[in-house]
C-alpha atoms as a PDB file:
ATOM      1  CA  MET A   1     104.700  95.237 108.781  1.00  0.00           C
ATOM      2  CA  SER A   2     101.269  96.446 107.794  1.00  0.00           C
ATOM      3  CA  GLY A   3     100.325  96.793 104.147  1.00  0.00           C
ATOM      4  CA  ILE A   4     100.631 100.570 104.269  1.00  0.00           C
ATOM      5  CA  ASN A   5     104.056 100.346 105.878  1.00  0.00           C
ATOM      6  CA  GLU A   6     105.167  97.932 103.183  1.00  0.00           C
ATOM      7  CA  PHE A   7     103.870 100.281 100.503  1.00  0.00           C
ATOM      8  CA  ILE A   8     105.780 103.223 102.003  1.00  0.00           C
ATOM      9  CA  ASP A   9     108.908 101.135 102.546  1.00  0.00           C
ATOM     10  CA  ASN A  10     108.783 100.024  98.921  1.00  0.00           C
ATOM     11  CA  GLU A  11     108.347 103.596  97.609  1.00  0.00           C
ATOM     12  CA  VAL A  12     111.227 104.824  99.762  1.00  0.00           C
ATOM     13  CA  LYS A  13     113.570 101.982  98.808  1.00  0.00           C
ATOM     14  CA  THR A  14     112.832 101.690  95.084  1.00  0.00           C
ATOM     15  CA  ASN A  15     113.009 105.411  94.232  1.00  0.00           C
ATOM     16  CA  ASP A  16     116.221 107.387  94.705  1.00  0.00           C
ATOM     17  CA  VAL A  17     114.304 110.503  95.701  1.00  0.00           C
ATOM     18  CA  VAL A  18     110.746 110.450  97.037  1.00  0.00           C
ATOM     19  CA  LEU A  19     108.686 113.343  98.309  1.00  0.00           C
ATOM     20  CA  PHE A  20     105.617 112.495 100.374  1.00  0.00           C
ATOM     21  CA  MET A  21     103.553 115.624  99.915  1.00  0.00           C
ATOM     22  CA  LYS A  22     100.109 117.183  99.887  1.00  0.00           C
ATOM     23  CA  GLY A  23      99.071 117.292  96.262  1.00  0.00           C
ATOM     24  CA  THR A  24     101.270 116.405  93.299  1.00  0.00           C
ATOM     25  CA  PRO A  25     104.527 117.898  91.986  1.00  0.00           C
ATOM     26  CA  GLN A  26     102.444 119.628  89.267  1.00  0.00           C
ATOM     27  CA  PHE A  27      99.780 120.864  91.707  1.00  0.00           C
ATOM     28  CA  PRO A  28     101.044 121.091  95.298  1.00  0.00           C
ATOM     29  CA  GLN A  29      98.132 121.603  97.687  1.00  0.00           C
ATOM     30  CA  CYS A  30     100.005 123.200 100.544  1.00  0.00           C
ATOM     31  CA  GLY A  31     102.637 125.906 100.726  1.00  0.00           C
ATOM     32  CA  PHE A  32     105.216 123.722 102.457  1.00  0.00           C
ATOM     33  CA  SER A  33     104.940 120.962  99.854  1.00  0.00           C
ATOM     34  CA  GLY A  34     105.124 123.647  97.166  1.00  0.00           C
ATOM     35  CA  GLN A  35     108.360 125.057  98.588  1.00  0.00           C
ATOM     36  CA  VAL A  36     110.070 121.668  98.546  1.00  0.00           C
ATOM     37  CA  VAL A  37     108.832 121.037  94.989  1.00  0.00           C
ATOM     38  CA  GLN A  38     110.290 124.405  93.919  1.00  0.00           C
ATOM     39  CA  ILE A  39     113.656 123.532  95.447  1.00  0.00           C
ATOM     40  CA  LEU A  40     113.765 120.074  93.838  1.00  0.00           C
ATOM     41  CA  ASP A  41     112.701 121.529  90.487  1.00  0.00           C
ATOM     42  CA  TYR A  42     115.306 124.276  90.787  1.00  0.00           C
ATOM     43  CA  LEU A  43     117.991 121.655  91.416  1.00  0.00           C
ATOM     44  CA  GLY A  44     116.676 119.630  88.487  1.00  0.00           C
ATOM     45  CA  VAL A  45     116.477 116.487  90.600  1.00  0.00           C
ATOM     46  CA  ASP A  46     114.369 113.574  89.378  1.00  0.00           C
ATOM     47  CA  TYR A  47     111.989 112.543  92.117  1.00  0.00           C
ATOM     48  CA  LYS A  48     108.735 110.779  92.722  1.00  0.00           C
ATOM     49  CA  GLY A  49     105.904 112.639  94.439  1.00  0.00           C
ATOM     50  CA  VAL A  50     103.459 110.655  96.559  1.00  0.00           C
ATOM     51  CA  ASN A  51     100.213 112.507  97.279  1.00  0.00           C
ATOM     52  CA  VAL A  52      99.227 111.804 100.886  1.00  0.00           C
ATOM     53  CA  LEU A  53      95.855 113.488 100.375  1.00  0.00           C
ATOM     54  CA  ALA A  54      94.865 110.651  98.055  1.00  0.00           C
ATOM     55  CA  ASP A  55      94.944 108.177 100.947  1.00  0.00           C
ATOM     56  CA  SER A  56      94.489 108.907 104.650  1.00  0.00           C
ATOM     57  CA  GLU A  57      96.309 105.657 105.482  1.00  0.00           C
ATOM     58  CA  ILE A  58      99.421 106.936 103.709  1.00  0.00           C
ATOM     59  CA  ARG A  59      99.060 110.328 105.375  1.00  0.00           C
ATOM     60  CA  GLN A  60      99.123 108.740 108.822  1.00  0.00           C
ATOM     61  CA  GLY A  61     101.421 105.897 107.804  1.00  0.00           C
ATOM     62  CA  ILE A  62     104.244 108.150 106.649  1.00  0.00           C
ATOM     63  CA  LYS A  63     104.222 110.004 109.978  1.00  0.00           C
ATOM     64  CA  ASP A  64     104.539 106.695 111.809  1.00  0.00           C
ATOM     65  CA  TYR A  65     107.146 105.439 109.355  1.00  0.00           C
ATOM     66  CA  SER A  66     109.483 108.398 109.827  1.00  0.00           C
ATOM     67  CA  ASN A  67     108.408 109.299 113.341  1.00  0.00           C
ATOM     68  CA  TRP A  68     108.029 112.833 111.963  1.00  0.00           C
ATOM     69  CA  PRO A  69     104.750 114.708 112.543  1.00  0.00           C
ATOM     70  CA  THR A  70     104.499 116.851 109.436  1.00  0.00           C
ATOM     71  CA  ILE A  71     104.288 116.595 105.673  1.00  0.00           C
ATOM     72  CA  PRO A  72     106.091 117.040 103.274  1.00  0.00           C
ATOM     73  CA  GLN A  73     108.796 114.491 103.913  1.00  0.00           C
ATOM     74  CA  LEU A  74     111.782 113.993 101.638  1.00  0.00           C
ATOM     75  CA  TYR A  75     113.619 110.694 101.321  1.00  0.00           C
ATOM     76  CA  VAL A  76     116.908 110.215  99.517  1.00  0.00           C
ATOM     77  CA  LYS A  77     118.196 106.684  98.855  1.00  0.00           C
ATOM     78  CA  GLY A  78     115.903 105.217 101.480  1.00  0.00           C
ATOM     79  CA  GLU A  79     116.792 107.733 104.158  1.00  0.00           C
ATOM     80  CA  PHE A  80     114.548 110.396 105.649  1.00  0.00           C
ATOM     81  CA  VAL A  81     116.164 113.795 105.056  1.00  0.00           C
ATOM     82  CA  GLY A  82     113.574 116.133 106.553  1.00  0.00           C
ATOM     83  CA  GLY A  83     110.542 118.326 106.176  1.00  0.00           C
ATOM     84  CA  CYS A  84     110.111 121.743 104.598  1.00  0.00           C
ATOM     85  CA  ASP A  85     112.165 123.804 107.094  1.00  0.00           C
ATOM     86  CA  ILE A  86     115.088 121.387 107.096  1.00  0.00           C
ATOM     87  CA  ILE A  87     115.099 121.077 103.306  1.00  0.00           C
ATOM     88  CA  ARG A  88     114.945 124.858 102.892  1.00  0.00           C
ATOM     89  CA  GLU A  89     117.803 125.409 105.370  1.00  0.00           C
ATOM     90  CA  MET A  90     119.927 122.684 103.756  1.00  0.00           C
ATOM     91  CA  PHE A  91     119.235 124.165 100.322  1.00  0.00           C
ATOM     92  CA  GLN A  92     120.167 127.698 101.392  1.00  0.00           C
ATOM     93  CA  ALA A  93     123.380 126.427 102.985  1.00  0.00           C
ATOM     94  CA  GLY A  94     124.264 124.408  99.877  1.00  0.00           C
ATOM     95  CA  GLU A  95     124.065 121.177 101.912  1.00  0.00           C
ATOM     96  CA  LEU A  96     121.114 119.711 100.022  1.00  0.00           C
ATOM     97  CA  GLN A  97     122.980 119.865  96.727  1.00  0.00           C
ATOM     98  CA  THR A  98     125.981 118.166  98.359  1.00  0.00           C
ATOM     99  CA  HIS A  99     123.748 115.532  99.944  1.00  0.00           C
ATOM    100  CA  PHE A 100     122.275 114.632  96.548  1.00  0.00           C
ATOM    101  CA  GLU A 101     125.693 114.523  94.898  1.00  0.00           C
ATOM    102  CA  GLN A 102     127.155 112.345  97.646  1.00  0.00           C
ATOM    103  CA  ASN A 103     124.288 109.919  97.025  1.00  0.00           C
ATOM    104  CA  GLY A 104     125.007 109.835  93.297  1.00  0.00           C
ATOM    105  CA  ILE A 105     121.980 111.916  92.330  1.00  0.00           C
ATOM    106  CA  THR A 106     122.465 114.380  89.508  1.00  0.00           C
ATOM    107  CA  VAL A 107     121.902 118.024  90.341  1.00  0.00           C
ATOM    108  CA  ARG A 108     121.493 120.595  87.586  1.00  0.00           C
ATOM    109  CA  GLY A 109     124.525 122.888  87.582  1.00  0.00           C
ATOM    110  CA  ALA A 110     126.797 123.523  90.520  1.00  0.00           C
ATOM    111  CA  ALA A 111     125.296 125.860  93.111  1.00  0.00           C
END
């Protein structure tokens, strides 16, 4: 494993919920990242944001790691859940909330 892969692996495995995104949770720098942040904030989920714009190695590394071409990418309990479209669809269907709860992650209020 390369250093960048180890870094990503560590972030994914040591945080219950990690969002690899453009920008930060406070200042998303792309609309798709912003949408996922809004959903996570709405659900009141604690998560760690990793800004891929801060490091081009991470930006490329996360795509290789997940075999997924776009950012943002959401991980829950070490597992890749999806990008913006998938997260939005899961959220609208109530599946995202269930997914968090099944993984023992507290969601603010029942949907």
